Full PDB file with SEQRES, HELIX, SHEET, SSBOND, CRYST1, ORIGX, SCALE, CONECT and MASTER records, all heavy atoms in Angstrom:
SEQRES   1 A   36  HIS GLY ALA GLN LYS LEU PHE GLY VAL LEU GLY GLY VAL          
SEQRES   2 A   36  GLY PRO ALA GLY GLY ALA ALA PRO LEU PHE SER MET MET          
SEQRES   3 A   36  GLY LEU ALA GLY ILE ILE GLU LEU LEU GLY                      
HELIX    1 AA1 GLY A    2  PHE A    7  1                                   6    
HELIX    2 AA2 PRO A   15  GLY A   17  5                                   3    
HELIX    3 AA3 MET A   25  LEU A   35  1                                  11    
CRYST1    1.000    1.000    1.000  90.00  90.00  90.00 P 1           1          
ORIGX1      1.000000  0.000000  0.000000        0.00000                         
ORIGX2      0.000000  1.000000  0.000000        0.00000                         
ORIGX3      0.000000  0.000000  1.000000        0.00000                         
SCALE1      1.000000  0.000000  0.000000        0.00000                         
SCALE2      0.000000  1.000000  0.000000        0.00000                         
SCALE3      0.000000  0.000000  1.000000        0.00000                         
ATOM      1  N   HIS A   1     109.106  99.277 109.363  1.00  0.00           N  
ATOM      2  CA  HIS A   1     108.602  98.097 108.644  1.00  0.00           C  
ATOM      3  C   HIS A   1     108.071  98.484 107.273  1.00  0.00           C  
ATOM      4  O   HIS A   1     108.261  97.760 106.295  1.00  0.00           O  
ATOM      5  CB  HIS A   1     107.505  97.392 109.455  1.00  0.00           C  
ATOM      6  CG  HIS A   1     108.013  96.588 110.585  1.00  0.00           C  
ATOM      7  ND1 HIS A   1     108.577  95.351 110.428  1.00  0.00           N  
ATOM      8  CD2 HIS A   1     108.062  96.850 111.912  1.00  0.00           C  
ATOM      9  CE1 HIS A   1     108.954  94.882 111.596  1.00  0.00           C  
ATOM     10  NE2 HIS A   1     108.652  95.779 112.512  1.00  0.00           N  
ATOM     11  N   GLY A   2     107.406  99.628 107.193  1.00  0.00           N  
ATOM     12  CA  GLY A   2     106.914 100.117 105.915  1.00  0.00           C  
ATOM     13  C   GLY A   2     108.065 100.466 104.973  1.00  0.00           C  
ATOM     14  O   GLY A   2     107.994 100.184 103.768  1.00  0.00           O  
ATOM     15  N   ALA A   3     109.115 101.066 105.507  1.00  0.00           N  
ATOM     16  CA  ALA A   3     110.277 101.404 104.684  1.00  0.00           C  
ATOM     17  C   ALA A   3     110.939 100.137 104.135  1.00  0.00           C  
ATOM     18  O   ALA A   3     111.390 100.109 102.992  1.00  0.00           O  
ATOM     19  CB  ALA A   3     111.279 102.220 105.496  1.00  0.00           C  
ATOM     20  N   GLN A   4     110.952  99.082 104.948  1.00  0.00           N  
ATOM     21  CA  GLN A   4     111.475  97.797 104.471  1.00  0.00           C  
ATOM     22  C   GLN A   4     110.708  97.322 103.247  1.00  0.00           C  
ATOM     23  O   GLN A   4     111.294  96.905 102.253  1.00  0.00           O  
ATOM     24  CB  GLN A   4     111.326  96.715 105.546  1.00  0.00           C  
ATOM     25  CG  GLN A   4     112.399  96.676 106.583  1.00  0.00           C  
ATOM     26  CD  GLN A   4     112.188  95.494 107.507  1.00  0.00           C  
ATOM     27  OE1 GLN A   4     111.067  95.185 107.913  1.00  0.00           O  
ATOM     28  NE2 GLN A   4     113.278  94.837 107.855  1.00  0.00           N  
ATOM     29  N   LYS A   5     109.388  97.373 103.358  1.00  0.00           N  
ATOM     30  CA  LYS A   5     108.540  96.854 102.276  1.00  0.00           C  
ATOM     31  C   LYS A   5     108.587  97.736 101.028  1.00  0.00           C  
ATOM     32  O   LYS A   5     108.637  97.234  99.913  1.00  0.00           O  
ATOM     33  CB  LYS A   5     107.101  96.717 102.762  1.00  0.00           C  
ATOM     34  CG  LYS A   5     106.902  95.602 103.763  1.00  0.00           C  
ATOM     35  CD  LYS A   5     105.480  95.577 104.262  1.00  0.00           C  
ATOM     36  CE  LYS A   5     105.252  94.459 105.256  1.00  0.00           C  
ATOM     37  NZ  LYS A   5     105.940  94.682 106.529  1.00  0.00           N  
ATOM     38  N   LEU A   6     108.562  99.040 101.207  1.00  0.00           N  
ATOM     39  CA  LEU A   6     108.459  99.945 100.062  1.00  0.00           C  
ATOM     40  C   LEU A   6     109.792 100.238  99.383  1.00  0.00           C  
ATOM     41  O   LEU A   6     109.834 100.407  98.167  1.00  0.00           O  
ATOM     42  CB  LEU A   6     107.824 101.268 100.489  1.00  0.00           C  
ATOM     43  CG  LEU A   6     106.351 101.200 100.901  1.00  0.00           C  
ATOM     44  CD1 LEU A   6     105.880 102.565 101.364  1.00  0.00           C  
ATOM     45  CD2 LEU A   6     105.496 100.679  99.776  1.00  0.00           C  
ATOM     46  N   PHE A   7     110.851 100.321 100.164  1.00  0.00           N  
ATOM     47  CA  PHE A   7     112.128 100.754  99.608  1.00  0.00           C  
ATOM     48  C   PHE A   7     113.218  99.690  99.663  1.00  0.00           C  
ATOM     49  O   PHE A   7     114.316  99.911  99.167  1.00  0.00           O  
ATOM     50  CB  PHE A   7     112.610 102.025 100.320  1.00  0.00           C  
ATOM     51  CG  PHE A   7     111.585 103.118 100.341  1.00  0.00           C  
ATOM     52  CD1 PHE A   7     111.096 103.608 101.540  1.00  0.00           C  
ATOM     53  CD2 PHE A   7     111.072 103.641  99.157  1.00  0.00           C  
ATOM     54  CE1 PHE A   7     110.131 104.616 101.567  1.00  0.00           C  
ATOM     55  CE2 PHE A   7     110.112 104.634  99.172  1.00  0.00           C  
ATOM     56  CZ  PHE A   7     109.647 105.124 100.381  1.00  0.00           C  
ATOM     57  N   GLY A   8     112.940  98.568 100.316  1.00  0.00           N  
ATOM     58  CA  GLY A   8     113.932  97.508 100.413  1.00  0.00           C  
ATOM     59  C   GLY A   8     115.098  97.837 101.328  1.00  0.00           C  
ATOM     60  O   GLY A   8     116.143  97.214 101.258  1.00  0.00           O  
ATOM     61  N   VAL A   9     114.917  98.817 102.207  1.00  0.00           N  
ATOM     62  CA  VAL A   9     115.981  99.202 103.149  1.00  0.00           C  
ATOM     63  C   VAL A   9     115.794  98.480 104.475  1.00  0.00           C  
ATOM     64  O   VAL A   9     114.773  97.831 104.691  1.00  0.00           O  
ATOM     65  CB  VAL A   9     115.984 100.730 103.373  1.00  0.00           C  
ATOM     66  CG1 VAL A   9     116.290 101.469 102.087  1.00  0.00           C  
ATOM     67  CG2 VAL A   9     114.670 101.215 103.947  1.00  0.00           C  
ATOM     68  N   LEU A  10     116.780  98.588 105.350  1.00  0.00           N  
ATOM     69  CA  LEU A  10     116.699  98.025 106.701  1.00  0.00           C  
ATOM     70  C   LEU A  10     116.421  96.525 106.673  1.00  0.00           C  
ATOM     71  O   LEU A  10     115.652  96.005 107.471  1.00  0.00           O  
ATOM     72  CB  LEU A  10     115.623  98.744 107.531  1.00  0.00           C  
ATOM     73  CG  LEU A  10     115.752 100.265 107.622  1.00  0.00           C  
ATOM     74  CD1 LEU A  10     114.518 100.870 108.265  1.00  0.00           C  
ATOM     75  CD2 LEU A  10     117.005 100.649 108.379  1.00  0.00           C  
ATOM     76  N   GLY A  11     117.010  95.823 105.752  1.00  0.00           N  
ATOM     77  CA  GLY A  11     116.793  94.384 105.639  1.00  0.00           C  
ATOM     78  C   GLY A  11     115.886  94.009 104.507  1.00  0.00           C  
ATOM     79  O   GLY A  11     115.946  92.904 103.990  1.00  0.00           O  
ATOM     80  N   GLY A  12     115.027  94.926 104.092  1.00  0.00           N  
ATOM     81  CA  GLY A  12     114.156  94.729 102.936  1.00  0.00           C  
ATOM     82  C   GLY A  12     113.331  93.465 102.957  1.00  0.00           C  
ATOM     83  O   GLY A  12     113.373  92.679 103.877  1.00  0.00           O  
ATOM     84  N   VAL A  13     112.537  93.305 101.939  1.00  0.00           N  
ATOM     85  CA  VAL A  13     111.726  92.108 101.738  1.00  0.00           C  
ATOM     86  C   VAL A  13     111.857  91.696 100.282  1.00  0.00           C  
ATOM     87  O   VAL A  13     112.356  92.457  99.453  1.00  0.00           O  
ATOM     88  CB  VAL A  13     110.231  92.342 102.081  1.00  0.00           C  
ATOM     89  CG1 VAL A  13     110.044  92.632 103.551  1.00  0.00           C  
ATOM     90  CG2 VAL A  13     109.640  93.446 101.238  1.00  0.00           C  
ATOM     91  N   GLY A  14     111.399  90.536  99.977  1.00  0.00           N  
ATOM     92  CA  GLY A  14     111.435  90.067  98.599  1.00  0.00           C  
ATOM     93  C   GLY A  14     112.798  89.559  98.207  1.00  0.00           C  
ATOM     94  O   GLY A  14     113.698  89.447  99.025  1.00  0.00           O  
ATOM     95  N   PRO A  15     112.972  89.240  96.942  1.00  0.00           N  
ATOM     96  CA  PRO A  15     114.240  88.682  96.481  1.00  0.00           C  
ATOM     97  C   PRO A  15     115.395  89.663  96.639  1.00  0.00           C  
ATOM     98  O   PRO A  15     115.288  90.824  96.253  1.00  0.00           O  
ATOM     99  CB  PRO A  15     113.978  88.361  95.008  1.00  0.00           C  
ATOM    100  CG  PRO A  15     112.767  89.119  94.634  1.00  0.00           C  
ATOM    101  CD  PRO A  15     111.994  89.400  95.884  1.00  0.00           C  
ATOM    102  N   ALA A  16     116.449  89.216  97.229  1.00  0.00           N  
ATOM    103  CA  ALA A  16     117.676  90.010  97.434  1.00  0.00           C  
ATOM    104  C   ALA A  16     117.404  91.320  98.170  1.00  0.00           C  
ATOM    105  O   ALA A  16     118.052  92.328  97.923  1.00  0.00           O  
ATOM    106  CB  ALA A  16     118.359  90.276  96.097  1.00  0.00           C  
ATOM    107  N   GLY A  17     116.436  91.312  99.075  1.00  0.00           N  
ATOM    108  CA  GLY A  17     116.146  92.515  99.873  1.00  0.00           C  
ATOM    109  C   GLY A  17     115.511  93.638  99.087  1.00  0.00           C  
ATOM    110  O   GLY A  17     115.564  94.787  99.502  1.00  0.00           O  
ATOM    111  N   GLY A  18     114.909  93.338  97.947  1.00  0.00           N  
ATOM    112  CA  GLY A  18     114.295  94.362  97.110  1.00  0.00           C  
ATOM    113  C   GLY A  18     112.979  94.851  97.684  1.00  0.00           C  
ATOM    114  O   GLY A  18     112.427  94.302  98.617  1.00  0.00           O  
ATOM    115  N   ALA A  19     112.466  95.915  97.073  1.00  0.00           N  
ATOM    116  CA  ALA A  19     111.200  96.500  97.511  1.00  0.00           C  
ATOM    117  C   ALA A  19     110.036  95.696  96.936  1.00  0.00           C  
ATOM    118  O   ALA A  19     110.138  95.089  95.883  1.00  0.00           O  
ATOM    119  CB  ALA A  19     111.114  97.948  97.044  1.00  0.00           C  
ATOM    120  N   ALA A  20     108.926  95.721  97.650  1.00  0.00           N  
ATOM    121  CA  ALA A  20     107.704  95.060  97.184  1.00  0.00           C  
ATOM    122  C   ALA A  20     107.054  95.928  96.099  1.00  0.00           C  
ATOM    123  O   ALA A  20     107.155  97.156  96.143  1.00  0.00           O  
ATOM    124  CB  ALA A  20     106.737  94.880  98.348  1.00  0.00           C  
ATOM    125  N   PRO A  21     106.379  95.311  95.111  1.00  0.00           N  
ATOM    126  CA  PRO A  21     105.651  96.113  94.117  1.00  0.00           C  
ATOM    127  C   PRO A  21     104.592  96.965  94.809  1.00  0.00           C  
ATOM    128  O   PRO A  21     103.895  96.501  95.717  1.00  0.00           O  
ATOM    129  CB  PRO A  21     104.989  95.064  93.223  1.00  0.00           C  
ATOM    130  CG  PRO A  21     105.724  93.799  93.481  1.00  0.00           C  
ATOM    131  CD  PRO A  21     106.276  93.883  94.870  1.00  0.00           C  
ATOM    132  N   LEU A  22     104.489  98.219  94.413  1.00  0.00           N  
ATOM    133  CA  LEU A  22     103.598  99.160  95.087  1.00  0.00           C  
ATOM    134  C   LEU A  22     102.141  98.718  95.021  1.00  0.00           C  
ATOM    135  O   LEU A  22     101.413  98.825  95.993  1.00  0.00           O  
ATOM    136  CB  LEU A  22     103.759 100.554  94.476  1.00  0.00           C  
ATOM    137  CG  LEU A  22     103.136 101.701  95.228  1.00  0.00           C  
ATOM    138  CD1 LEU A  22     103.689 101.798  96.645  1.00  0.00           C  
ATOM    139  CD2 LEU A  22     103.378 103.008  94.497  1.00  0.00           C  
ATOM    140  N   PHE A  23     101.700  98.196  93.867  1.00  0.00           N  
ATOM    141  CA  PHE A  23     100.319  97.774  93.708  1.00  0.00           C  
ATOM    142  C   PHE A  23     100.185  96.280  93.972  1.00  0.00           C  
ATOM    143  O   PHE A  23      99.848  95.499  93.090  1.00  0.00           O  
ATOM    144  CB  PHE A  23      99.785  98.166  92.329  1.00  0.00           C  
ATOM    145  CG  PHE A  23      99.731  99.636  92.139  1.00  0.00           C  
ATOM    146  CD1 PHE A  23     100.654 100.285  91.325  1.00  0.00           C  
ATOM    147  CD2 PHE A  23      98.778 100.396  92.789  1.00  0.00           C  
ATOM    148  CE1 PHE A  23     100.610 101.656  91.160  1.00  0.00           C  
ATOM    149  CE2 PHE A  23      98.732 101.772  92.633  1.00  0.00           C  
ATOM    150  CZ  PHE A  23      99.657 102.403  91.815  1.00  0.00           C  
ATOM    151  N   SER A  24     100.486  95.913  95.186  1.00  0.00           N  
ATOM    152  CA  SER A  24     100.357  94.526  95.652  1.00  0.00           C  
ATOM    153  C   SER A  24      99.913  94.587  97.100  1.00  0.00           C  
ATOM    154  O   SER A  24      99.862  95.654  97.708  1.00  0.00           O  
ATOM    155  CB  SER A  24     101.698  93.796  95.547  1.00  0.00           C  
ATOM    156  OG  SER A  24     102.635  94.342  96.453  1.00  0.00           O  
ATOM    157  N   MET A  25      99.591  93.430  97.658  1.00  0.00           N  
ATOM    158  CA  MET A  25      99.184  93.409  99.055  1.00  0.00           C  
ATOM    159  C   MET A  25     100.330  93.869  99.955  1.00  0.00           C  
ATOM    160  O   MET A  25     100.132  94.621 100.908  1.00  0.00           O  
ATOM    161  CB  MET A  25      98.722  92.004  99.465  1.00  0.00           C  
ATOM    162  CG  MET A  25      97.919  92.032 100.731  1.00  0.00           C  
ATOM    163  SD  MET A  25      97.194  90.472 101.237  1.00  0.00           S  
ATOM    164  CE  MET A  25      96.500  89.832  99.760  1.00  0.00           C  
ATOM    165  N   MET A  26     101.555  93.431  99.618  1.00  0.00           N  
ATOM    166  CA  MET A  26     102.724  93.847 100.395  1.00  0.00           C  
ATOM    167  C   MET A  26     102.989  95.348 100.222  1.00  0.00           C  
ATOM    168  O   MET A  26     103.373  96.024 101.164  1.00  0.00           O  
ATOM    169  CB  MET A  26     103.945  93.035  99.963  1.00  0.00           C  
ATOM    170  CG  MET A  26     105.138  93.201 100.865  1.00  0.00           C  
ATOM    171  SD  MET A  26     104.922  92.467 102.498  1.00  0.00           S  
ATOM    172  CE  MET A  26     105.142  90.756 102.109  1.00  0.00           C  
ATOM    173  N   GLY A  27     102.750  95.877  99.017  1.00  0.00           N  
ATOM    174  CA  GLY A  27     102.908  97.301  98.781  1.00  0.00           C  
ATOM    175  C   GLY A  27     101.905  98.123  99.576  1.00  0.00           C  
ATOM    176  O   GLY A  27     102.256  99.146 100.170  1.00  0.00           O  
ATOM    177  N   LEU A  28     100.642  97.680  99.593  1.00  0.00           N  
ATOM    178  CA  LEU A  28      99.617  98.362 100.387  1.00  0.00           C  
ATOM    179  C   LEU A  28      99.970  98.319 101.871  1.00  0.00           C  
ATOM    180  O   LEU A  28      99.842  99.316 102.578  1.00  0.00           O  
ATOM    181  CB  LEU A  28      98.242  97.752 100.143  1.00  0.00           C  
ATOM    182  CG  LEU A  28      97.093  98.339 100.964  1.00  0.00           C  
ATOM    183  CD1 LEU A  28      96.923  99.826 100.674  1.00  0.00           C  
ATOM    184  CD2 LEU A  28      95.808  97.593 100.675  1.00  0.00           C  
ATOM    185  N   ALA A  29     100.442  97.156 102.336  1.00  0.00           N  
ATOM    186  CA  ALA A  29     100.870  97.048 103.732  1.00  0.00           C  
ATOM    187  C   ALA A  29     102.006  98.023 104.017  1.00  0.00           C  
ATOM    188  O   ALA A  29     102.016  98.682 105.069  1.00  0.00           O  
ATOM    189  CB  ALA A  29     101.295  95.616 104.042  1.00  0.00           C  
ATOM    190  N   GLY A  30     102.942  98.141 103.077  1.00  0.00           N  
ATOM    191  CA  GLY A  30     104.052  99.074 103.265  1.00  0.00           C  
ATOM    192  C   GLY A  30     103.598 100.511 103.351  1.00  0.00           C  
ATOM    193  O   GLY A  30     104.104 101.286 104.159  1.00  0.00           O  
ATOM    194  N   ILE A  31     102.612 100.891 102.542  1.00  0.00           N  
ATOM    195  CA  ILE A  31     102.079 102.249 102.581  1.00  0.00           C  
ATOM    196  C   ILE A  31     101.410 102.519 103.925  1.00  0.00           C  
ATOM    197  O   ILE A  31     101.641 103.553 104.556  1.00  0.00           O  
ATOM    198  CB  ILE A  31     101.092 102.484 101.418  1.00  0.00           C  
ATOM    199  CG1 ILE A  31     101.844 102.475 100.095  1.00  0.00           C  
ATOM    200  CG2 ILE A  31     100.317 103.785 101.603  1.00  0.00           C  
ATOM    201  CD1 ILE A  31     100.942 102.407  98.872  1.00  0.00           C  
ATOM    202  N   ILE A  32     100.572 101.575 104.374  1.00  0.00           N  
ATOM    203  CA  ILE A  32      99.902 101.738 105.667  1.00  0.00           C  
ATOM    204  C   ILE A  32     100.933 101.831 106.780  1.00  0.00           C  
ATOM    205  O   ILE A  32     100.816 102.664 107.685  1.00  0.00           O  
ATOM    206  CB  ILE A  32      98.905 100.589 105.922  1.00  0.00           C  
ATOM    207  CG1 ILE A  32      97.733 100.680 104.955  1.00  0.00           C  
ATOM    208  CG2 ILE A  32      98.415 100.609 107.376  1.00  0.00           C  
ATOM    209  CD1 ILE A  32      96.820  99.467 104.983  1.00  0.00           C  
ATOM    210  N   GLU A  33     101.956 100.985 106.715  1.00  0.00           N  
ATOM    211  CA  GLU A  33     102.961 100.967 107.780  1.00  0.00           C  
ATOM    212  C   GLU A  33     103.817 102.236 107.777  1.00  0.00           C  
ATOM    213  O   GLU A  33     104.052 102.819 108.837  1.00  0.00           O  
ATOM    214  CB  GLU A  33     103.827  99.723 107.652  1.00  0.00           C  
ATOM    215  CG  GLU A  33     103.059  98.468 107.973  1.00  0.00           C  
ATOM    216  CD  GLU A  33     103.796  97.191 107.622  1.00  0.00           C  
ATOM    217  OE1 GLU A  33     104.998  97.243 107.252  1.00  0.00           O  
ATOM    218  OE2 GLU A  33     103.167  96.121 107.687  1.00  0.00           O  
ATOM    219  N   LEU A  34     104.281 102.657 106.614  1.00  0.00           N  
ATOM    220  CA  LEU A  34     105.139 103.844 106.570  1.00  0.00           C  
ATOM    221  C   LEU A  34     104.357 105.104 106.919  1.00  0.00           C  
ATOM    222  O   LEU A  34     104.727 105.821 107.857  1.00  0.00           O  
ATOM    223  CB  LEU A  34     105.778 103.993 105.192  1.00  0.00           C  
ATOM    224  CG  LEU A  34     106.692 105.216 105.031  1.00  0.00           C  
ATOM    225  CD1 LEU A  34     107.902 105.107 105.956  1.00  0.00           C  
ATOM    226  CD2 LEU A  34     107.131 105.371 103.598  1.00  0.00           C  
ATOM    227  N   LEU A  35     103.285 105.374 106.182  1.00  0.00           N  
ATOM    228  CA  LEU A  35     102.520 106.597 106.448  1.00  0.00           C  
ATOM    229  C   LEU A  35     101.800 106.534 107.794  1.00  0.00           C  
ATOM    230  O   LEU A  35     101.770 107.522 108.528  1.00  0.00           O  
ATOM    231  CB  LEU A  35     101.534 106.860 105.318  1.00  0.00           C  
ATOM    232  CG  LEU A  35     102.159 107.104 103.944  1.00  0.00           C  
ATOM    233  CD1 LEU A  35     101.086 107.349 102.900  1.00  0.00           C  
ATOM    234  CD2 LEU A  35     103.144 108.257 103.989  1.00  0.00           C  
ATOM    235  N   GLY A  36     101.238 105.365 108.105  1.00  0.00           N  
ATOM    236  CA  GLY A  36     100.560 105.216 109.389  1.00  0.00           C  
ATOM    237  C   GLY A  36     101.521 105.355 110.561  1.00  0.00           C  
ATOM    238  O   GLY A  36     101.208 106.011 111.558  1.00  0.00           O  
TER     239      GLY A  36                                                      
MASTER        0    0    0    3    0    0    0    6  238    1    0    3          
END                                                                             
């Protein structure tokens, strides 16, 4: 789930499956999810 948010892979999030901006709530969630 974190990889989806941070890198836009595995279905991705955002417009056209792109990655979420790193310094956003979705970016922070992606960091917690990937590293956690």
